[in-house]
Amino acid sequence: MIQIKAPGLSFDQTGSMWKPVTNAPFGRDLQLAVIDDDGVHALVFACQRELAGWRSVVTGAHVDIRPTHWRVWDPQTAMDETSSKAP
């Protein structure tokens, strides 16, 4: 199984500011955050906003999510957060 989100991300622990998804730009690589029953999580892959929703930058596939926040994609930040939360 491919990991799609980093576990247990807290907005206060991030290195850059998260912005509300309502003002996410189109056509840019973004890191998205979602809130689910387990808490707040940042996706570990870049997405782009399109008129029809969101797609994965890597695969081009539609991603069926309802993100709450975004920030500009930074692969190093995504990797750092994922490895710092690993069991």
Protein backbone atom coordinates (compact mmCIF):
# COMPACT_ATOMS: atom_id res chain seq x y z
CA MET A 1 0.00 0.00 0.00
CA ILE A 2 1.22 3.48 -0.80
CA GLN A 3 1.26 5.96 2.05
CA ILE A 4 -0.83 8.98 1.14
CA LYS A 5 -0.67 11.08 4.27
CA ALA A 6 1.67 11.80 7.12
CA PRO A 7 0.24 10.75 10.48
CA GLY A 8 -0.80 13.23 13.13
CA LEU A 9 0.31 16.53 11.65
CA SER A 10 -0.41 19.56 13.80
CA PHE A 11 -0.70 22.92 12.09
CA ASP A 12 1.44 24.45 14.86
CA GLN A 13 4.35 22.08 14.08
CA THR A 14 4.70 22.96 10.42
CA GLY A 15 7.57 24.93 8.99
CA SER A 16 5.44 27.03 6.67
CA MET A 17 2.07 28.66 6.84
CA TRP A 18 -1.01 26.73 5.80
CA LYS A 19 -3.68 28.65 3.92
CA PRO A 20 -7.42 27.92 3.62
CA VAL A 21 -8.21 25.68 0.65
CA THR A 22 -10.79 28.18 -0.59
CA ASN A 23 -7.99 30.34 -2.00
CA ALA A 24 -5.77 27.55 -3.38
CA PRO A 25 -4.32 28.51 -6.77
CA PHE A 26 -4.91 26.49 -9.92
CA GLY A 27 -2.04 24.83 -11.82
CA ARG A 28 0.58 24.90 -9.05
CA ASP A 29 2.15 22.05 -7.10
CA LEU A 30 0.62 22.16 -3.62
CA GLN A 31 0.72 20.14 -0.44
CA LEU A 32 -2.76 19.56 0.92
CA ALA A 33 -3.97 18.94 4.44
CA VAL A 34 -7.08 17.01 5.37
CA ILE A 35 -8.95 16.58 8.62
CA ASP A 36 -10.49 13.17 9.25
CA ASP A 37 -11.55 11.06 12.21
CA ASP A 38 -7.89 10.53 13.15
CA GLY A 39 -6.99 14.23 13.15
CA VAL A 40 -5.11 16.53 10.81
CA HIS A 41 -2.87 15.05 8.10
CA ALA A 42 -0.74 16.42 5.29
CA LEU A 43 -0.68 14.45 2.06
CA VAL A 44 2.81 13.19 1.19
CA PHE A 45 2.49 13.87 -2.53
CA ALA A 46 1.94 17.04 -4.53
CA CYS A 47 -1.46 17.86 -5.97
CA GLN A 48 -2.77 20.46 -8.38
CA ARG A 49 -6.15 22.12 -8.25
CA GLU A 50 -8.31 21.82 -11.35
CA LEU A 51 -11.86 22.88 -12.16
CA ALA A 52 -13.04 19.32 -11.49
CA GLY A 53 -11.15 18.98 -8.18
CA TRP A 54 -7.63 17.74 -7.41
CA ARG A 55 -5.13 15.54 -9.23
CA SER A 56 -1.86 13.93 -8.23
CA VAL A 57 1.14 15.63 -9.83
CA VAL A 58 3.02 12.31 -10.02
CA THR A 59 0.33 10.03 -11.47
CA GLY A 60 -2.05 12.54 -13.04
CA ALA A 61 -4.93 10.65 -11.41
CA HIS A 62 -7.92 12.41 -9.88
CA VAL A 63 -7.64 12.47 -6.07
CA ASP A 64 -11.00 12.18 -4.32
CA ILE A 65 -10.35 14.31 -1.23
CA ARG A 66 -11.78 17.34 0.49
CA PRO A 67 -8.73 19.22 1.75
CA THR A 68 -9.02 21.97 4.33
CA HIS A 69 -5.66 23.74 3.88
CA TRP A 70 -2.78 24.05 1.42
CA ARG A 71 0.76 25.33 1.11
CA VAL A 72 3.28 25.41 -1.71
CA TRP A 73 4.73 21.94 -2.28
CA ASP A 74 8.20 21.47 -0.81
CA PRO A 75 9.42 17.86 -1.18
CA GLN A 76 11.94 18.28 1.64
CA THR A 77 9.30 19.47 4.11
CA ALA A 78 7.00 16.59 3.16
CA MET A 79 9.80 14.05 3.65
CA ASP A 80 10.93 15.60 6.95
CA GLU A 81 7.41 15.48 8.37
CA THR A 82 6.87 11.90 7.23
CA SER A 83 10.15 10.62 8.66
CA SER A 84 9.74 12.52 11.96
CA LYS A 85 6.34 10.86 12.52
CA ALA A 86 7.43 7.32 11.64
CA PRO A 87 7.04 4.74 14.42
